[in-house]
Amino acid sequence: METNILPSPRKRHESMAVYEKIALDIANRIVRREIAEGVRLSGRSVMSSEYGVSPETIRRSFSLLEEMEVVEVKHSKGVSVVSRDNAKKFITKYGKSNENRKLLSQLRHVLGEREQVDKELFTLAKDLIEANDRFSASNPFPTYEYTIKEGSLAVGESLGALQFWQKTGGTVIAIRRQGSILLSPGPDLYLEVLDILILVGNQDTLAKTKDLLD
């Protein structure tokens, strides 16, 4: 008795080898009873055409299934299904492995996108600060920088709690922190030692900032 195995319509995932995916597909069909125990599968040439892969890829799929005694490969009799229970075990083993690889691939993708976004934000912030510096000569509200020193009253406090704007008349447009630039920090952001506040305000802003935070 022979049966033709149609390729799964599921989209291939680059994180799993083709021969592993074909083996997993065959195991799933065995578990779903689409292929019964004792059934002799189509030959490598036929299945390679059905799956659109080489006969060598099909051979590797059969070998993977044979290692867990899902099928039995005999040169004279072909490949026969041995155990539905072993097919379940195969799915558990390789299904979890594939899921982990998918999650790892997604994580790498997200981290790569985040790195690119961080680079773009840093470039934009740098351009903004440089533009403010160039404009400061004619700007009635020039930019200033203030570094929070150890022992400053600002350490561990937020701009809102310090009533920064009300007491200095200045607006913090960005904070340089450990090589990063935080744009438009909100009133709830807690300040740290060596934070560099980039301020916009009038001529008295920097002096009032020192009086408030030193």
N, C-alpha and C. Protein backbone atom coordinates (compact mmCIF):
# COMPACT_ATOMS: atom_id res chain seq x y z
N MET A 1 0.85 -1.21 0.00
CA MET A 1 0.00 0.00 0.00
C MET A 1 0.87 1.24 0.00
N GLU A 2 0.60 2.17 -0.89
CA GLU A 2 1.37 3.40 -0.98
C GLU A 2 0.44 4.61 -0.85
N THR A 3 0.97 5.68 -0.43
CA THR A 3 0.21 6.92 -0.37
C THR A 3 1.09 8.05 -0.84
N ASN A 4 0.52 9.03 -1.51
CA ASN A 4 1.26 10.20 -1.94
C ASN A 4 1.21 11.25 -0.84
N ILE A 5 2.35 11.81 -0.49
CA ILE A 5 2.43 12.83 0.54
C ILE A 5 2.50 14.19 -0.13
N LEU A 6 1.48 14.99 0.08
CA LEU A 6 1.48 16.33 -0.51
C LEU A 6 2.22 17.28 0.41
N PRO A 7 2.98 18.20 -0.14
CA PRO A 7 3.71 19.15 0.70
C PRO A 7 2.77 20.03 1.51
N SER A 8 3.19 20.34 2.68
CA SER A 8 2.39 21.21 3.55
C SER A 8 2.31 22.59 2.93
N PRO A 9 1.13 23.26 3.01
CA PRO A 9 0.99 24.62 2.47
C PRO A 9 1.62 25.67 3.36
N ARG A 10 2.09 25.27 4.56
CA ARG A 10 2.67 26.26 5.46
C ARG A 10 3.90 26.90 4.85
N LYS A 11 4.07 28.15 5.12
CA LYS A 11 5.23 28.90 4.62
C LYS A 11 6.49 28.41 5.29
N ARG A 12 7.55 28.22 4.52
CA ARG A 12 8.82 27.82 5.10
C ARG A 12 9.38 28.91 5.99
N HIS A 13 10.02 28.50 7.06
CA HIS A 13 10.68 29.45 7.97
C HIS A 13 12.17 29.23 7.88
N GLU A 14 12.89 30.29 7.65
CA GLU A 14 14.31 30.19 7.40
C GLU A 14 15.10 29.64 8.57
N SER A 15 14.48 29.63 9.78
CA SER A 15 15.22 29.19 10.95
C SER A 15 15.30 27.67 11.02
N MET A 16 14.55 26.94 10.22
CA MET A 16 14.55 25.48 10.26
C MET A 16 14.99 24.95 8.91
N ALA A 17 15.87 23.92 8.94
CA ALA A 17 16.35 23.32 7.70
C ALA A 17 15.19 22.69 6.94
N VAL A 18 15.29 22.67 5.62
CA VAL A 18 14.20 22.15 4.79
C VAL A 18 13.92 20.69 5.09
N TYR A 19 14.97 19.90 5.24
CA TYR A 19 14.76 18.47 5.48
C TYR A 19 14.11 18.23 6.84
N GLU A 20 14.40 19.09 7.82
CA GLU A 20 13.76 18.97 9.13
C GLU A 20 12.28 19.30 9.03
N LYS A 21 11.97 20.31 8.25
CA LYS A 21 10.58 20.72 8.11
C LYS A 21 9.76 19.66 7.38
N ILE A 22 10.35 19.03 6.38
CA ILE A 22 9.65 17.96 5.67
C ILE A 22 9.42 16.78 6.60
N ALA A 23 10.43 16.42 7.39
CA ALA A 23 10.28 15.33 8.35
C ALA A 23 9.19 15.65 9.36
N LEU A 24 9.15 16.90 9.83
CA LEU A 24 8.12 17.31 10.79
C LEU A 24 6.74 17.26 10.15
N ASP A 25 6.64 17.60 8.89
CA ASP A 25 5.37 17.55 8.17
C ASP A 25 4.87 16.11 8.06
N ILE A 26 5.77 15.19 7.72
CA ILE A 26 5.40 13.79 7.60
C ILE A 26 4.95 13.24 8.96
N ALA A 27 5.69 13.60 10.02
CA ALA A 27 5.32 13.14 11.36
C ALA A 27 3.94 13.66 11.75
N ASN A 28 3.63 14.90 11.43
CA ASN A 28 2.32 15.46 11.75
C ASN A 28 1.21 14.71 11.02
N ARG A 29 1.45 14.31 9.80
CA ARG A 29 0.44 13.59 9.02
C ARG A 29 0.22 12.19 9.59
N ILE A 30 1.29 11.63 10.11
CA ILE A 30 1.16 10.32 10.76
C ILE A 30 0.32 10.44 12.02
N VAL A 31 0.59 11.46 12.82
CA VAL A 31 -0.17 11.68 14.06
C VAL A 31 -1.64 11.96 13.75
N ARG A 32 -1.91 12.68 12.68
CA ARG A 32 -3.29 13.00 12.31
C ARG A 32 -3.99 11.82 11.62
N ARG A 33 -3.28 10.69 11.51
CA ARG A 33 -3.79 9.45 10.91
C ARG A 33 -4.06 9.60 9.41
N GLU A 34 -3.46 10.59 8.79
CA GLU A 34 -3.55 10.68 7.33
C GLU A 34 -2.67 9.61 6.70
N ILE A 35 -1.65 9.21 7.45
CA ILE A 35 -0.79 8.10 7.02
C ILE A 35 -0.79 7.10 8.15
N ALA A 36 -1.22 5.89 7.88
CA ALA A 36 -1.35 4.88 8.93
C ALA A 36 -0.04 4.13 9.15
N GLU A 37 0.07 3.49 10.32
CA GLU A 37 1.23 2.63 10.59
C GLU A 37 1.23 1.48 9.59
N GLY A 38 2.39 1.14 9.13
CA GLY A 38 2.54 0.06 8.16
C GLY A 38 2.48 0.50 6.72
N VAL A 39 2.09 1.77 6.49
CA VAL A 39 2.00 2.29 5.12
C VAL A 39 3.41 2.50 4.55
N ARG A 40 3.59 2.14 3.29
CA ARG A 40 4.86 2.39 2.62
C ARG A 40 4.76 3.72 1.89
N LEU A 41 5.70 4.63 2.23
CA LEU A 41 5.69 5.96 1.65
C LEU A 41 6.19 5.95 0.22
N SER A 42 5.86 7.02 -0.50
CA SER A 42 6.35 7.16 -1.87
C SER A 42 7.87 7.22 -1.87
N GLY A 43 8.48 6.86 -2.99
CA GLY A 43 9.93 6.86 -3.10
C GLY A 43 10.51 8.26 -3.06
N ARG A 44 11.84 8.33 -2.92
CA ARG A 44 12.50 9.62 -2.80
C ARG A 44 12.29 10.49 -4.03
N SER A 45 12.34 9.89 -5.22
CA SER A 45 12.20 10.68 -6.45
C SER A 45 10.82 11.31 -6.53
N VAL A 46 9.78 10.52 -6.18
CA VAL A 46 8.41 11.03 -6.24
C VAL A 46 8.21 12.14 -5.21
N MET A 47 8.68 11.90 -3.98
CA MET A 47 8.48 12.89 -2.92
C MET A 47 9.32 14.14 -3.14
N SER A 48 10.50 13.97 -3.75
CA SER A 48 11.31 15.16 -4.03
C SER A 48 10.61 16.06 -5.02
N SER A 49 9.88 15.45 -5.96
CA SER A 49 9.11 16.25 -6.91
C SER A 49 7.92 16.92 -6.23
N GLU A 50 7.26 16.22 -5.30
CA GLU A 50 6.10 16.76 -4.60
C GLU A 50 6.49 17.95 -3.71
N TYR A 51 7.63 17.82 -3.03
CA TYR A 51 8.08 18.87 -2.12
C TYR A 51 8.94 19.93 -2.82
N GLY A 52 9.33 19.67 -4.05
CA GLY A 52 10.15 20.64 -4.77
C GLY A 52 11.57 20.72 -4.25
N VAL A 53 12.11 19.58 -3.79
CA VAL A 53 13.47 19.53 -3.28
C VAL A 53 14.21 18.38 -3.96
N SER A 54 15.48 18.24 -3.62
CA SER A 54 16.29 17.17 -4.20
C SER A 54 16.03 15.84 -3.50
N PRO A 55 16.27 14.71 -4.16
CA PRO A 55 16.15 13.40 -3.50
C PRO A 55 17.03 13.30 -2.25
N GLU A 56 18.19 13.97 -2.26
CA GLU A 56 19.07 13.94 -1.10
C GLU A 56 18.40 14.57 0.11
N THR A 57 17.63 15.64 -0.11
CA THR A 57 16.91 16.28 0.99
C THR A 57 15.87 15.33 1.57
N ILE A 58 15.15 14.61 0.70
CA ILE A 58 14.17 13.62 1.17
C ILE A 58 14.86 12.50 1.94
N ARG A 59 16.04 12.08 1.47
CA ARG A 59 16.79 11.03 2.17
C ARG A 59 17.12 11.47 3.58
N ARG A 60 17.54 12.73 3.74
CA ARG A 60 17.88 13.25 5.07
C ARG A 60 16.63 13.33 5.95
N SER A 61 15.48 13.63 5.36
CA SER A 61 14.23 13.66 6.13
C SER A 61 13.90 12.27 6.65
N PHE A 62 14.02 11.27 5.78
CA PHE A 62 13.76 9.89 6.18
C PHE A 62 14.73 9.44 7.28
N SER A 63 16.00 9.82 7.13
CA SER A 63 17.01 9.43 8.12
C SER A 63 16.68 10.02 9.49
N LEU A 64 16.20 11.27 9.49
CA LEU A 64 15.85 11.94 10.74
C LEU A 64 14.68 11.21 11.42
N LEU A 65 13.70 10.81 10.64
CA LEU A 65 12.56 10.08 11.18
C LEU A 65 12.97 8.68 11.63
N GLU A 66 13.90 8.07 10.91
CA GLU A 66 14.34 6.73 11.26
C GLU A 66 15.11 6.72 12.58
N GLU A 67 15.83 7.81 12.88
CA GLU A 67 16.59 7.88 14.13
C GLU A 67 15.68 7.75 15.35
N MET A 68 14.46 8.22 15.25
CA MET A 68 13.52 8.13 16.36
C MET A 68 12.47 7.04 16.11
N GLU A 69 12.78 6.15 15.16
CA GLU A 69 11.95 4.97 14.88
C GLU A 69 10.52 5.34 14.53
N VAL A 70 10.38 6.45 13.80
CA VAL A 70 9.07 6.81 13.26
C VAL A 70 8.81 6.02 11.99
N VAL A 71 9.86 5.85 11.18
CA VAL A 71 9.78 5.05 9.96
C VAL A 71 10.93 4.05 9.95
N GLU A 72 10.82 3.11 9.04
CA GLU A 72 11.89 2.13 8.83
C GLU A 72 12.30 2.20 7.37
N VAL A 73 13.58 2.35 7.13
CA VAL A 73 14.10 2.47 5.77
C VAL A 73 14.77 1.16 5.38
N LYS A 74 14.26 0.51 4.33
CA LYS A 74 14.85 -0.71 3.80
C LYS A 74 15.09 -0.51 2.31
N HIS A 75 16.31 -0.77 1.90
CA HIS A 75 16.68 -0.53 0.49
C HIS A 75 15.83 -1.33 -0.47
N SER A 76 15.43 -2.50 -0.08
CA SER A 76 14.67 -3.35 -0.99
C SER A 76 13.17 -3.08 -0.94
N LYS A 77 12.70 -2.55 0.21
CA LYS A 77 11.26 -2.37 0.38
C LYS A 77 10.83 -0.91 0.51
N GLY A 78 11.76 -0.01 0.53
CA GLY A 78 11.42 1.41 0.66
C GLY A 78 11.28 1.85 2.10
N VAL A 79 10.42 2.83 2.31
CA VAL A 79 10.26 3.44 3.63
C VAL A 79 8.85 3.17 4.13
N SER A 80 8.75 2.58 5.33
CA SER A 80 7.46 2.26 5.91
C SER A 80 7.28 2.96 7.24
N VAL A 81 6.03 3.33 7.54
CA VAL A 81 5.71 3.97 8.82
C VAL A 81 5.71 2.90 9.91
N VAL A 82 6.41 3.18 11.01
CA VAL A 82 6.56 2.20 12.09
C VAL A 82 5.66 2.53 13.29
N SER A 83 5.72 3.80 13.75
CA SER A 83 5.06 4.10 15.02
C SER A 83 4.46 5.51 15.04
N ARG A 84 3.16 5.55 15.34
CA ARG A 84 2.48 6.84 15.50
C ARG A 84 2.93 7.50 16.80
N ASP A 85 3.13 6.70 17.86
CA ASP A 85 3.59 7.26 19.14
C ASP A 85 4.96 7.91 19.00
N ASN A 86 5.85 7.28 18.25
CA ASN A 86 7.18 7.88 18.03
C ASN A 86 7.09 9.14 17.19
N ALA A 87 6.08 9.20 16.32
CA ALA A 87 5.87 10.42 15.54
C ALA A 87 5.49 11.57 16.47
N LYS A 88 4.69 11.29 17.51
CA LYS A 88 4.34 12.31 18.49
C LYS A 88 5.59 12.80 19.21
N LYS A 89 6.46 11.87 19.61
CA LYS A 89 7.70 12.23 20.29
C LYS A 89 8.59 13.08 19.39
N PHE A 90 8.62 12.72 18.12
CA PHE A 90 9.42 13.48 17.16
C PHE A 90 8.92 14.93 17.07
N ILE A 91 7.60 15.08 17.00
CA ILE A 91 7.01 16.42 16.91
C ILE A 91 7.33 17.24 18.16
N THR A 92 7.24 16.59 19.32
CA THR A 92 7.54 17.28 20.58
C THR A 92 8.98 17.78 20.58
N LYS A 93 9.89 16.92 20.15
CA LYS A 93 11.31 17.28 20.15
C LYS A 93 11.62 18.37 19.15
N TYR A 94 11.25 18.18 17.91
CA TYR A 94 11.62 19.13 16.87
C TYR A 94 10.68 20.34 16.81
N GLY A 95 9.45 20.16 17.26
CA GLY A 95 8.54 21.29 17.29
C GLY A 95 9.00 22.35 18.28
N LYS A 96 9.41 21.92 19.48
CA LYS A 96 9.92 22.86 20.48
C LYS A 96 11.22 23.50 20.01
N SER A 97 12.07 22.68 19.40
CA SER A 97 13.34 23.21 18.91
C SER A 97 13.11 24.28 17.86
N ASN A 98 12.16 24.03 16.97
CA ASN A 98 11.87 25.00 15.92
C ASN A 98 11.27 26.27 16.49
N GLU A 99 10.39 26.12 17.51
CA GLU A 99 9.78 27.29 18.12
C GLU A 99 10.82 28.16 18.80
N ASN A 100 11.78 27.51 19.47
CA ASN A 100 12.86 28.28 20.11
C ASN A 100 13.67 29.04 19.07
N ARG A 101 13.94 28.38 17.94
CA ARG A 101 14.72 29.05 16.90
C ARG A 101 13.93 30.21 16.28
N LYS A 102 12.64 30.05 16.16
CA LYS A 102 11.81 31.14 15.64
C LYS A 102 11.85 32.33 16.58
N LEU A 103 11.71 32.06 17.89
CA LEU A 103 11.73 33.14 18.87
C LEU A 103 13.08 33.83 18.88
N LEU A 104 14.17 33.05 18.77
CA LEU A 104 15.50 33.64 18.74
C LEU A 104 15.68 34.50 17.50
N SER A 105 15.16 34.02 16.36
CA SER A 105 15.25 34.79 15.13
C SER A 105 14.47 36.09 15.25
N GLN A 106 13.27 36.03 15.86
CA GLN A 106 12.46 37.23 16.04
C GLN A 106 13.16 38.21 16.98
N LEU A 107 13.78 37.67 18.04
CA LEU A 107 14.49 38.52 18.99
C LEU A 107 15.63 39.26 18.32
N ARG A 108 16.41 38.54 17.50
CA ARG A 108 17.52 39.17 16.78
C ARG A 108 17.01 40.26 15.84
N HIS A 109 15.87 39.98 15.19
CA HIS A 109 15.29 40.96 14.27
C HIS A 109 14.87 42.22 15.00
N VAL A 110 14.18 42.04 16.15
CA VAL A 110 13.72 43.19 16.93
C VAL A 110 14.90 43.99 17.46
N LEU A 111 15.93 43.29 17.96
CA LEU A 111 17.10 43.98 18.48
C LEU A 111 17.81 44.76 17.37
N GLY A 112 17.85 44.18 16.17
CA GLY A 112 18.45 44.88 15.04
C GLY A 112 17.68 46.14 14.69
N GLU A 113 16.34 46.04 14.71
CA GLU A 113 15.52 47.21 14.43
C GLU A 113 15.69 48.28 15.52
N ARG A 114 15.77 47.82 16.77
CA ARG A 114 15.94 48.77 17.87
C ARG A 114 17.28 49.49 17.76
N GLU A 115 18.32 48.75 17.39
CA GLU A 115 19.64 49.36 17.24
C GLU A 115 19.60 50.44 16.16
N GLN A 116 18.90 50.15 15.06
CA GLN A 116 18.80 51.13 13.98
C GLN A 116 18.03 52.36 14.42
N VAL A 117 16.95 52.16 15.17
CA VAL A 117 16.15 53.29 15.67
C VAL A 117 16.98 54.14 16.62
N ASP A 118 17.75 53.47 17.51
CA ASP A 118 18.61 54.21 18.45
C ASP A 118 19.63 55.07 17.70
N LYS A 119 20.20 54.52 16.64
CA LYS A 119 21.17 55.27 15.84
C LYS A 119 20.51 56.50 15.21
N GLU A 120 19.30 56.31 14.68
CA GLU A 120 18.60 57.43 14.04
C GLU A 120 18.22 58.49 15.07
N LEU A 121 17.77 58.06 16.27
CA LEU A 121 17.44 59.01 17.32
C LEU A 121 18.66 59.81 17.76
N PHE A 122 19.79 59.10 17.90
CA PHE A 122 21.02 59.77 18.31
C PHE A 122 21.44 60.81 17.28
N THR A 123 21.33 60.45 15.98
CA THR A 123 21.69 61.38 14.90
C THR A 123 20.78 62.60 14.91
N LEU A 124 19.47 62.36 15.07
CA LEU A 124 18.51 63.47 15.09
C LEU A 124 18.77 64.40 16.28
N ALA A 125 19.03 63.78 17.45
CA ALA A 125 19.29 64.59 18.63
C ALA A 125 20.56 65.41 18.46
N LYS A 126 21.60 64.79 17.90
CA LYS A 126 22.86 65.49 17.66
C LYS A 126 22.65 66.66 16.71
N ASP A 127 21.88 66.41 15.63
CA ASP A 127 21.60 67.48 14.67
C ASP A 127 20.80 68.61 15.31
N LEU A 128 19.86 68.23 16.19
CA LEU A 128 19.04 69.23 16.85
C LEU A 128 19.89 70.10 17.77
N ILE A 129 20.77 69.47 18.53
CA ILE A 129 21.63 70.23 19.45
C ILE A 129 22.57 71.14 18.68
N GLU A 130 23.16 70.63 17.60
CA GLU A 130 24.05 71.44 16.79
C GLU A 130 23.31 72.61 16.15
N ALA A 131 22.07 72.35 15.72
CA ALA A 131 21.27 73.43 15.14
C ALA A 131 20.97 74.49 16.18
N ASN A 132 20.69 74.05 17.41
CA ASN A 132 20.44 75.02 18.49
C ASN A 132 21.68 75.84 18.79
N ASP A 133 22.84 75.18 18.75
CA ASP A 133 24.10 75.89 18.99
C ASP A 133 24.34 76.96 17.93
N ARG A 134 24.06 76.61 16.66
CA ARG A 134 24.27 77.57 15.57
C ARG A 134 23.30 78.73 15.67
N PHE A 135 22.11 78.42 16.18
CA PHE A 135 21.06 79.45 16.24
C PHE A 135 21.17 80.33 17.49
N SER A 136 21.97 79.90 18.46
CA SER A 136 21.99 80.57 19.76
C SER A 136 22.46 82.02 19.68
N ALA A 137 23.29 82.37 18.69
CA ALA A 137 23.81 83.73 18.59
C ALA A 137 22.69 84.74 18.35
N SER A 138 21.68 84.33 17.57
CA SER A 138 20.59 85.26 17.28
C SER A 138 19.31 84.90 18.02
N ASN A 139 19.36 83.83 18.78
CA ASN A 139 18.17 83.36 19.48
C ASN A 139 18.01 84.11 20.81
N PRO A 140 16.87 84.71 21.07
CA PRO A 140 16.67 85.39 22.34
C PRO A 140 16.61 84.42 23.52
N PHE A 141 16.44 83.13 23.23
CA PHE A 141 16.46 82.10 24.25
C PHE A 141 17.54 81.07 23.91
N PRO A 142 18.80 81.39 24.16
CA PRO A 142 19.90 80.49 23.79
C PRO A 142 19.92 79.21 24.63
N THR A 143 20.72 78.25 24.19
CA THR A 143 20.83 76.98 24.91
C THR A 143 22.01 77.02 25.87
N TYR A 144 21.87 76.32 26.98
CA TYR A 144 22.92 76.21 27.97
C TYR A 144 23.07 74.75 28.36
N GLU A 145 24.20 74.45 28.98
CA GLU A 145 24.41 73.10 29.49
C GLU A 145 24.77 73.17 30.97
N TYR A 146 24.19 72.22 31.72
CA TYR A 146 24.49 72.15 33.15
C TYR A 146 24.71 70.68 33.51
N THR A 147 25.85 70.38 34.14
CA THR A 147 26.18 69.01 34.53
C THR A 147 25.84 68.80 36.00
N ILE A 148 25.08 67.77 36.27
CA ILE A 148 24.69 67.46 37.64
C ILE A 148 25.85 66.76 38.35
N LYS A 149 26.35 67.39 39.39
CA LYS A 149 27.50 66.86 40.11
C LYS A 149 27.05 65.97 41.27
N GLU A 150 27.97 65.16 41.76
CA GLU A 150 27.68 64.33 42.91
C GLU A 150 27.40 65.24 44.11
N GLY A 151 26.36 64.93 44.83
CA GLY A 151 25.97 65.76 45.95
C GLY A 151 24.95 66.81 45.59
N SER A 152 24.65 66.94 44.30
CA SER A 152 23.65 67.91 43.86
C SER A 152 22.27 67.54 44.39
N LEU A 153 21.46 68.56 44.68
CA LEU A 153 20.10 68.34 45.14
C LEU A 153 19.23 67.67 44.07
N ALA A 154 19.71 67.68 42.83
CA ALA A 154 18.92 67.13 41.73
C ALA A 154 18.98 65.61 41.66
N VAL A 155 20.02 65.01 42.24
CA VAL A 155 20.22 63.56 42.13
C VAL A 155 19.04 62.82 42.77
N GLY A 156 18.42 61.96 41.99
CA GLY A 156 17.28 61.19 42.49
C GLY A 156 15.97 61.93 42.47
N GLU A 157 15.98 63.16 42.01
CA GLU A 157 14.76 63.95 41.93
C GLU A 157 14.31 64.08 40.47
N SER A 158 13.05 64.40 40.28
CA SER A 158 12.53 64.62 38.92
C SER A 158 12.43 66.12 38.66
N LEU A 159 12.37 66.48 37.40
CA LEU A 159 12.23 67.89 37.04
C LEU A 159 10.93 68.47 37.59
N GLY A 160 9.90 67.63 37.60
CA GLY A 160 8.62 68.09 38.12
C GLY A 160 8.68 68.37 39.61
N ALA A 161 9.31 67.45 40.35
CA ALA A 161 9.41 67.62 41.80
C ALA A 161 10.26 68.82 42.15
N LEU A 162 11.26 69.10 41.33
CA LEU A 162 12.14 70.25 41.58
C LEU A 162 11.48 71.57 41.16
N GLN A 163 10.35 71.49 40.48
CA GLN A 163 9.69 72.69 39.92
C GLN A 163 10.70 73.48 39.08
N PHE A 164 11.38 72.75 38.22
CA PHE A 164 12.50 73.33 37.48
C PHE A 164 12.08 74.54 36.64
N TRP A 165 11.04 74.36 35.85
CA TRP A 165 10.63 75.46 34.96
C TRP A 165 10.16 76.67 35.75
N GLN A 166 9.38 76.41 36.82
CA GLN A 166 8.84 77.51 37.59
C GLN A 166 9.95 78.32 38.27
N LYS A 167 11.02 77.65 38.72
CA LYS A 167 12.05 78.32 39.50
C LYS A 167 13.22 78.86 38.67
N THR A 168 13.38 78.36 37.44
CA THR A 168 14.52 78.82 36.62
C THR A 168 14.07 79.54 35.36
N GLY A 169 12.84 79.30 34.92
CA GLY A 169 12.37 79.87 33.66
C GLY A 169 12.95 79.16 32.45
N GLY A 170 13.67 78.06 32.69
CA GLY A 170 14.28 77.32 31.60
C GLY A 170 13.55 76.03 31.29
N THR A 171 13.73 75.55 30.07
CA THR A 171 13.14 74.29 29.63
C THR A 171 14.24 73.32 29.26
N VAL A 172 14.18 72.12 29.82
CA VAL A 172 15.17 71.08 29.50
C VAL A 172 14.71 70.39 28.22
N ILE A 173 15.46 70.61 27.14
CA ILE A 173 15.06 70.02 25.86
C ILE A 173 15.71 68.66 25.62
N ALA A 174 16.78 68.36 26.37
CA ALA A 174 17.45 67.06 26.21
C ALA A 174 18.38 66.83 27.39
N ILE A 175 18.72 65.56 27.59
CA ILE A 175 19.68 65.19 28.63
C ILE A 175 20.69 64.23 28.01
N ARG A 176 21.98 64.57 28.17
CA ARG A 176 23.03 63.63 27.77
C ARG A 176 23.31 62.72 28.96
N ARG A 177 23.18 61.40 28.75
CA ARG A 177 23.39 60.45 29.85
C ARG A 177 24.16 59.22 29.35
N GLN A 178 25.37 59.06 29.82
CA GLN A 178 26.19 57.87 29.52
C GLN A 178 26.25 57.58 28.02
N GLY A 179 26.52 58.58 27.23
CA GLY A 179 26.66 58.39 25.80
C GLY A 179 25.38 58.42 25.01
N SER A 180 24.23 58.50 25.70
CA SER A 180 22.94 58.56 25.03
C SER A 180 22.34 59.95 25.20
N ILE A 181 21.39 60.28 24.35
CA ILE A 181 20.70 61.56 24.43
C ILE A 181 19.21 61.30 24.62
N LEU A 182 18.65 61.82 25.72
CA LEU A 182 17.23 61.69 25.99
C LEU A 182 16.54 62.97 25.56
N LEU A 183 15.71 62.87 24.53
CA LEU A 183 15.03 64.06 24.01
C LEU A 183 13.75 64.35 24.79
N SER A 184 13.48 65.63 24.98
CA SER A 184 12.26 66.09 25.63
C SER A 184 11.91 65.29 26.88
N PRO A 185 12.80 65.25 27.87
CA PRO A 185 12.51 64.47 29.08
C PRO A 185 11.29 65.01 29.80
N GLY A 186 10.43 64.09 30.23
CA GLY A 186 9.22 64.50 30.91
C GLY A 186 9.47 64.92 32.35
N PRO A 187 8.46 65.44 33.01
CA PRO A 187 8.62 65.92 34.39
C PRO A 187 8.87 64.80 35.40
N ASP A 188 8.60 63.54 35.01
CA ASP A 188 8.75 62.43 35.94
C ASP A 188 10.09 61.71 35.81
N LEU A 189 10.95 62.15 34.91
CA LEU A 189 12.25 61.49 34.73
C LEU A 189 13.18 61.83 35.89
N TYR A 190 13.71 60.81 36.56
CA TYR A 190 14.62 61.02 37.67
C TYR A 190 16.03 61.33 37.16
N LEU A 191 16.66 62.31 37.76
CA LEU A 191 17.98 62.75 37.32
C LEU A 191 19.08 61.96 38.02
N GLU A 192 20.21 61.82 37.32
CA GLU A 192 21.32 61.05 37.84
C GLU A 192 22.59 61.89 37.84
N VAL A 193 23.59 61.43 38.61
CA VAL A 193 24.89 62.09 38.64
C VAL A 193 25.50 62.07 37.24
N LEU A 194 26.09 63.17 36.84
CA LEU A 194 26.75 63.37 35.54
C LEU A 194 25.78 63.53 34.38
N ASP A 195 24.48 63.61 34.69
CA ASP A 195 23.54 63.99 33.62
C ASP A 195 23.89 65.41 33.17
N ILE A 196 23.86 65.62 31.86
CA ILE A 196 24.10 66.97 31.32
C ILE A 196 22.77 67.51 30.80
N LEU A 197 22.24 68.52 31.49
CA LEU A 197 20.98 69.12 31.08
C LEU A 197 21.23 70.14 29.99
N ILE A 198 20.50 70.02 28.91
CA ILE A 198 20.58 70.99 27.81
C ILE A 198 19.34 71.87 27.91
N LEU A 199 19.56 73.14 28.21
CA LEU A 199 18.48 74.06 28.57
C LEU A 199 18.25 75.11 27.50
N VAL A 200 17.03 75.56 27.43
CA VAL A 200 16.68 76.74 26.64
C VAL A 200 16.06 77.74 27.60
N GLY A 201 16.55 78.97 27.57
CA GLY A 201 16.02 79.98 28.47
C GLY A 201 16.66 81.33 28.22
N ASN A 202 16.42 82.26 29.13
CA ASN A 202 16.99 83.60 28.98
C ASN A 202 18.36 83.67 29.68
N GLN A 203 18.90 84.84 29.81
CA GLN A 203 20.25 84.99 30.34
C GLN A 203 20.37 84.57 31.80
N ASP A 204 19.29 84.62 32.53
CA ASP A 204 19.33 84.27 33.95
C ASP A 204 19.14 82.77 34.21
N THR A 205 18.78 82.02 33.17
CA THR A 205 18.41 80.62 33.37
C THR A 205 19.54 79.79 33.98
N LEU A 206 20.75 79.92 33.44
CA LEU A 206 21.86 79.11 33.93
C LEU A 206 22.19 79.43 35.39
N ALA A 207 22.19 80.70 35.73
CA ALA A 207 22.49 81.09 37.11
C ALA A 207 21.42 80.56 38.07
N LYS A 208 20.17 80.64 37.68
CA LYS A 208 19.08 80.14 38.52
C LYS A 208 19.14 78.62 38.64
N THR A 209 19.60 77.96 37.57
CA THR A 209 19.74 76.50 37.61
C THR A 209 20.81 76.11 38.63
N LYS A 210 21.92 76.81 38.63
CA LYS A 210 22.99 76.54 39.59
C LYS A 210 22.52 76.78 41.02
N ASP A 211 21.79 77.89 41.23
CA ASP A 211 21.26 78.17 42.56
C ASP A 211 20.30 77.09 43.03
N LEU A 212 19.51 76.56 42.12
CA LEU A 212 18.51 75.55 42.48
C LEU A 212 19.12 74.19 42.75
N LEU A 213 20.11 73.80 41.94
CA LEU A 213 20.59 72.42 41.98
C LEU A 213 21.92 72.21 42.68
N ASP A 214 22.72 73.22 42.79
CA ASP A 214 24.04 73.05 43.43
C ASP A 214 23.89 72.83 44.95
